[in-house]
Amino acid sequence: MVNTIGSIGSINPILLDGKINASNQSNRFTSTDSINLSSEGLKKSEMYRINSIIDAAPDVRMDVVERIKARINDPAYINDEILNAATDKLMEAFGFFDDSK
């Protein structure tokens, strides 16, 4: 049998009258926070961003690589038209030729 020593009375909720202490409220928003990053931190952040881009890049598609190798090894594939197109693209990539005219 458990005997009680005393009992807790009913809990009365605290009622707010809608007034806020103005002195406490004014000091609440006067200070500002800031953060400074070191050059080392900025470099590491940039490296993390670059690694994320690299990780998101698609892997090498070996089926496409093998198909291109087979085309290059086929003597009928390499002709003047293919060579001219490849040369034009290389020249354009290096800025020597503008094919947009």
N, C-alpha and C. Protein backbone atom coordinates (compact mmCIF):
# COMPACT_ATOMS: atom_id res chain seq x y z
N MET A 1 0.84 -1.17 0.00
CA MET A 1 0.00 0.00 0.00
C MET A 1 0.88 1.24 0.00
N VAL A 2 0.53 2.22 -0.88
CA VAL A 2 1.30 3.45 -1.01
C VAL A 2 0.55 4.55 -0.29
N ASN A 3 1.26 5.20 0.60
CA ASN A 3 0.68 6.34 1.30
C ASN A 3 1.18 7.62 0.65
N THR A 4 0.33 8.58 0.48
CA THR A 4 0.75 9.84 -0.09
C THR A 4 1.12 10.79 1.02
N ILE A 5 2.21 11.51 0.78
CA ILE A 5 2.65 12.48 1.77
C ILE A 5 1.88 13.78 1.60
N GLY A 6 1.69 14.14 0.38
CA GLY A 6 0.97 15.38 0.10
C GLY A 6 0.46 15.32 -1.32
N SER A 7 -0.28 16.25 -1.71
CA SER A 7 -0.78 16.25 -3.08
C SER A 7 -0.45 17.58 -3.74
N ILE A 8 -0.39 17.54 -5.05
CA ILE A 8 -0.13 18.74 -5.82
C ILE A 8 -1.46 19.37 -6.18
N GLY A 9 -1.53 20.64 -5.95
CA GLY A 9 -2.76 21.34 -6.28
C GLY A 9 -2.87 21.54 -7.79
N SER A 10 -3.96 22.06 -8.22
CA SER A 10 -4.17 22.27 -9.65
C SER A 10 -3.20 23.33 -10.16
N ILE A 11 -2.78 23.18 -11.42
CA ILE A 11 -1.84 24.11 -12.02
C ILE A 11 -2.62 25.18 -12.74
N ASN A 12 -2.34 26.42 -12.39
CA ASN A 12 -3.01 27.53 -13.04
C ASN A 12 -2.14 28.02 -14.20
N PRO A 13 -2.70 28.11 -15.40
CA PRO A 13 -1.91 28.60 -16.52
C PRO A 13 -1.59 30.09 -16.35
N ILE A 14 -0.41 30.47 -16.85
CA ILE A 14 -0.01 31.87 -16.78
C ILE A 14 -0.67 32.59 -17.95
N LEU A 15 -1.38 33.61 -17.65
CA LEU A 15 -2.06 34.37 -18.69
C LEU A 15 -1.27 35.62 -19.00
N LEU A 16 -1.04 35.86 -20.25
CA LEU A 16 -0.36 37.08 -20.67
C LEU A 16 -1.42 38.12 -20.99
N ASP A 17 -1.15 39.33 -20.60
CA ASP A 17 -2.11 40.39 -20.88
C ASP A 17 -1.85 41.06 -22.22
N GLY A 18 -0.93 40.49 -23.03
CA GLY A 18 -0.67 41.03 -24.35
C GLY A 18 0.38 42.11 -24.37
N LYS A 19 0.90 42.49 -23.23
CA LYS A 19 1.91 43.53 -23.18
C LYS A 19 3.30 42.87 -23.18
N ILE A 20 4.21 43.48 -23.92
CA ILE A 20 5.58 42.99 -23.96
C ILE A 20 6.46 44.06 -23.36
N ASN A 21 7.40 43.61 -22.57
CA ASN A 21 8.32 44.55 -21.95
C ASN A 21 9.17 45.19 -23.05
N ALA A 22 8.99 46.47 -23.30
CA ALA A 22 9.65 47.16 -24.41
C ALA A 22 11.16 47.23 -24.22
N SER A 23 11.65 47.30 -23.02
CA SER A 23 13.09 47.40 -22.82
C SER A 23 13.80 46.11 -23.22
N ASN A 24 13.20 44.98 -22.96
CA ASN A 24 13.80 43.71 -23.36
C ASN A 24 13.71 43.50 -24.87
N GLN A 25 12.62 43.95 -25.49
CA GLN A 25 12.41 43.75 -26.91
C GLN A 25 13.35 44.60 -27.75
N SER A 26 13.68 45.80 -27.34
CA SER A 26 14.52 46.68 -28.15
C SER A 26 15.95 46.17 -28.25
N ASN A 27 16.47 45.50 -27.25
CA ASN A 27 17.83 44.98 -27.28
C ASN A 27 17.93 43.68 -28.06
N ARG A 28 16.83 43.12 -28.40
CA ARG A 28 16.81 41.81 -29.02
C ARG A 28 17.37 41.83 -30.46
N PHE A 29 17.15 42.90 -31.22
CA PHE A 29 17.53 42.93 -32.62
C PHE A 29 18.60 43.97 -32.95
N THR A 30 19.32 44.46 -31.96
CA THR A 30 20.31 45.51 -32.24
C THR A 30 21.63 44.95 -32.74
N SER A 31 22.01 43.76 -32.37
CA SER A 31 23.29 43.22 -32.79
C SER A 31 23.13 42.46 -34.11
N THR A 32 24.21 42.41 -34.89
CA THR A 32 24.19 41.67 -36.15
C THR A 32 25.25 40.59 -36.10
N ASP A 33 24.97 39.50 -36.77
CA ASP A 33 25.92 38.40 -36.85
C ASP A 33 26.65 38.49 -38.19
N SER A 34 27.87 38.04 -38.22
CA SER A 34 28.62 38.01 -39.47
C SER A 34 29.55 36.80 -39.44
N ILE A 35 30.02 36.47 -40.61
CA ILE A 35 30.93 35.34 -40.72
C ILE A 35 32.01 35.72 -41.72
N ASN A 36 33.22 35.37 -41.41
CA ASN A 36 34.36 35.61 -42.30
C ASN A 36 35.01 34.27 -42.61
N LEU A 37 35.24 34.03 -43.89
CA LEU A 37 35.87 32.79 -44.30
C LEU A 37 37.32 33.05 -44.67
N SER A 38 38.17 32.16 -44.25
CA SER A 38 39.58 32.29 -44.60
C SER A 38 39.78 31.93 -46.07
N SER A 39 40.92 32.32 -46.61
CA SER A 39 41.20 31.97 -48.00
C SER A 39 41.29 30.45 -48.15
N GLU A 40 41.78 29.78 -47.13
CA GLU A 40 41.85 28.32 -47.17
C GLU A 40 40.44 27.72 -47.22
N GLY A 41 39.53 28.28 -46.44
CA GLY A 41 38.15 27.81 -46.45
C GLY A 41 37.47 28.04 -47.79
N LEU A 42 37.75 29.20 -48.40
CA LEU A 42 37.18 29.49 -49.71
C LEU A 42 37.72 28.52 -50.76
N LYS A 43 39.02 28.21 -50.69
CA LYS A 43 39.61 27.27 -51.64
C LYS A 43 39.00 25.88 -51.48
N LYS A 44 38.82 25.45 -50.23
CA LYS A 44 38.23 24.14 -49.99
C LYS A 44 36.78 24.09 -50.46
N SER A 45 36.08 25.20 -50.30
CA SER A 45 34.70 25.27 -50.77
C SER A 45 34.65 25.15 -52.29
N GLU A 46 35.56 25.84 -52.97
CA GLU A 46 35.62 25.78 -54.43
C GLU A 46 35.98 24.37 -54.90
N MET A 47 36.90 23.72 -54.20
CA MET A 47 37.28 22.35 -54.55
C MET A 47 36.09 21.40 -54.35
N TYR A 48 35.34 21.61 -53.29
CA TYR A 48 34.16 20.78 -53.05
C TYR A 48 33.15 20.98 -54.18
N ARG A 49 32.96 22.22 -54.63
CA ARG A 49 32.03 22.51 -55.72
C ARG A 49 32.49 21.83 -57.01
N ILE A 50 33.79 21.93 -57.30
CA ILE A 50 34.33 21.30 -58.51
C ILE A 50 34.18 19.79 -58.44
N ASN A 51 34.48 19.20 -57.28
CA ASN A 51 34.33 17.74 -57.14
C ASN A 51 32.88 17.31 -57.31
N SER A 52 31.94 18.14 -56.86
CA SER A 52 30.52 17.82 -57.03
C SER A 52 30.15 17.80 -58.50
N ILE A 53 30.70 18.76 -59.27
CA ILE A 53 30.43 18.81 -60.71
C ILE A 53 31.02 17.58 -61.40
N ILE A 54 32.24 17.22 -61.01
CA ILE A 54 32.90 16.05 -61.60
C ILE A 54 32.12 14.78 -61.27
N ASP A 55 31.68 14.66 -60.02
CA ASP A 55 30.92 13.47 -59.63
C ASP A 55 29.60 13.38 -60.38
N ALA A 56 29.02 14.52 -60.75
CA ALA A 56 27.74 14.51 -61.46
C ALA A 56 27.91 14.25 -62.95
N ALA A 57 29.13 14.37 -63.45
CA ALA A 57 29.38 14.16 -64.88
C ALA A 57 29.19 12.68 -65.22
N PRO A 58 28.68 12.41 -66.41
CA PRO A 58 28.47 11.00 -66.79
C PRO A 58 29.79 10.27 -66.97
N ASP A 59 29.76 8.99 -66.72
CA ASP A 59 30.93 8.15 -66.91
C ASP A 59 31.19 7.97 -68.40
N VAL A 60 32.36 7.48 -68.72
CA VAL A 60 32.70 7.20 -70.11
C VAL A 60 31.85 6.04 -70.60
N ARG A 61 31.22 6.25 -71.72
CA ARG A 61 30.39 5.19 -72.30
C ARG A 61 31.25 4.36 -73.23
N MET A 62 31.69 3.24 -72.73
CA MET A 62 32.61 2.39 -73.48
C MET A 62 31.97 1.86 -74.77
N ASP A 63 30.65 1.69 -74.80
CA ASP A 63 30.01 1.22 -76.03
C ASP A 63 30.19 2.24 -77.15
N VAL A 64 30.12 3.54 -76.82
CA VAL A 64 30.32 4.58 -77.82
C VAL A 64 31.79 4.63 -78.24
N VAL A 65 32.69 4.49 -77.29
CA VAL A 65 34.13 4.50 -77.60
C VAL A 65 34.46 3.36 -78.53
N GLU A 66 33.95 2.17 -78.26
CA GLU A 66 34.24 1.01 -79.11
C GLU A 66 33.65 1.19 -80.50
N ARG A 67 32.46 1.79 -80.59
CA ARG A 67 31.84 2.01 -81.89
C ARG A 67 32.67 2.99 -82.72
N ILE A 68 33.20 4.05 -82.08
CA ILE A 68 34.03 5.02 -82.79
C ILE A 68 35.36 4.39 -83.21
N LYS A 69 35.94 3.58 -82.34
CA LYS A 69 37.18 2.88 -82.72
C LYS A 69 36.96 2.00 -83.94
N ALA A 70 35.83 1.32 -83.98
CA ALA A 70 35.53 0.45 -85.12
C ALA A 70 35.37 1.27 -86.40
N ARG A 71 34.75 2.43 -86.29
CA ARG A 71 34.59 3.28 -87.47
C ARG A 71 35.95 3.77 -87.97
N ILE A 72 36.82 4.18 -87.06
CA ILE A 72 38.13 4.68 -87.46
C ILE A 72 38.95 3.59 -88.13
N ASN A 73 38.84 2.38 -87.64
CA ASN A 73 39.59 1.26 -88.22
C ASN A 73 39.02 0.80 -89.55
N ASP A 74 37.80 1.21 -89.88
CA ASP A 74 37.19 0.83 -91.15
C ASP A 74 37.69 1.78 -92.24
N PRO A 75 38.42 1.25 -93.25
CA PRO A 75 38.97 2.12 -94.30
C PRO A 75 37.91 2.87 -95.09
N ALA A 76 36.70 2.34 -95.16
CA ALA A 76 35.64 3.00 -95.92
C ALA A 76 35.09 4.22 -95.17
N TYR A 77 35.30 4.27 -93.88
CA TYR A 77 34.75 5.38 -93.08
C TYR A 77 35.54 6.66 -93.29
N ILE A 78 36.84 6.56 -93.31
CA ILE A 78 37.66 7.75 -93.43
C ILE A 78 37.75 8.13 -94.91
N ASN A 79 37.12 9.25 -95.23
CA ASN A 79 37.15 9.77 -96.59
C ASN A 79 37.34 11.28 -96.52
N ASP A 80 37.37 11.92 -97.65
CA ASP A 80 37.62 13.37 -97.69
C ASP A 80 36.55 14.17 -96.94
N GLU A 81 35.32 13.73 -97.05
CA GLU A 81 34.23 14.44 -96.36
C GLU A 81 34.41 14.41 -94.84
N ILE A 82 34.73 13.25 -94.30
CA ILE A 82 34.95 13.10 -92.85
C ILE A 82 36.17 13.91 -92.42
N LEU A 83 37.25 13.80 -93.18
CA LEU A 83 38.47 14.55 -92.84
C LEU A 83 38.25 16.06 -92.88
N ASN A 84 37.54 16.54 -93.89
CA ASN A 84 37.25 17.97 -93.98
C ASN A 84 36.38 18.45 -92.81
N ALA A 85 35.37 17.66 -92.45
CA ALA A 85 34.50 18.03 -91.34
C ALA A 85 35.28 18.07 -90.03
N ALA A 86 36.14 17.08 -89.82
CA ALA A 86 36.95 17.04 -88.60
C ALA A 86 37.92 18.21 -88.56
N THR A 87 38.54 18.50 -89.69
CA THR A 87 39.48 19.62 -89.76
C THR A 87 38.77 20.94 -89.50
N ASP A 88 37.59 21.13 -90.09
CA ASP A 88 36.83 22.36 -89.86
C ASP A 88 36.48 22.53 -88.38
N LYS A 89 36.08 21.45 -87.73
CA LYS A 89 35.73 21.53 -86.30
C LYS A 89 36.94 21.86 -85.44
N LEU A 90 38.09 21.28 -85.78
CA LEU A 90 39.31 21.61 -85.05
C LEU A 90 39.71 23.07 -85.23
N MET A 91 39.63 23.53 -86.46
CA MET A 91 39.98 24.93 -86.75
C MET A 91 39.03 25.88 -86.02
N GLU A 92 37.77 25.53 -86.00
CA GLU A 92 36.78 26.36 -85.30
C GLU A 92 37.03 26.34 -83.79
N ALA A 93 37.38 25.18 -83.25
CA ALA A 93 37.65 25.07 -81.82
C ALA A 93 38.83 25.91 -81.40
N PHE A 94 39.83 26.02 -82.27
CA PHE A 94 41.02 26.83 -81.96
C PHE A 94 40.85 28.28 -82.39
N GLY A 95 39.72 28.63 -82.96
CA GLY A 95 39.45 30.02 -83.32
C GLY A 95 40.04 30.46 -84.63
N PHE A 96 40.48 29.54 -85.47
CA PHE A 96 41.07 29.91 -86.76
C PHE A 96 40.04 29.97 -87.88
N PHE A 97 38.86 29.42 -87.63
CA PHE A 97 37.88 29.29 -88.70
C PHE A 97 36.51 29.51 -88.12
N ASP A 98 35.69 30.31 -88.78
CA ASP A 98 34.34 30.55 -88.31
C ASP A 98 33.36 30.01 -89.35
N ASP A 99 32.69 28.93 -88.98
CA ASP A 99 31.79 28.24 -89.91
C ASP A 99 30.38 28.84 -89.87
N SER A 100 30.16 29.90 -89.07
CA SER A 100 28.81 30.44 -88.91
C SER A 100 28.42 31.35 -90.05
N LYS A 101 29.30 31.64 -91.01
CA LYS A 101 28.99 32.56 -92.12
C LYS A 101 28.08 31.95 -93.11
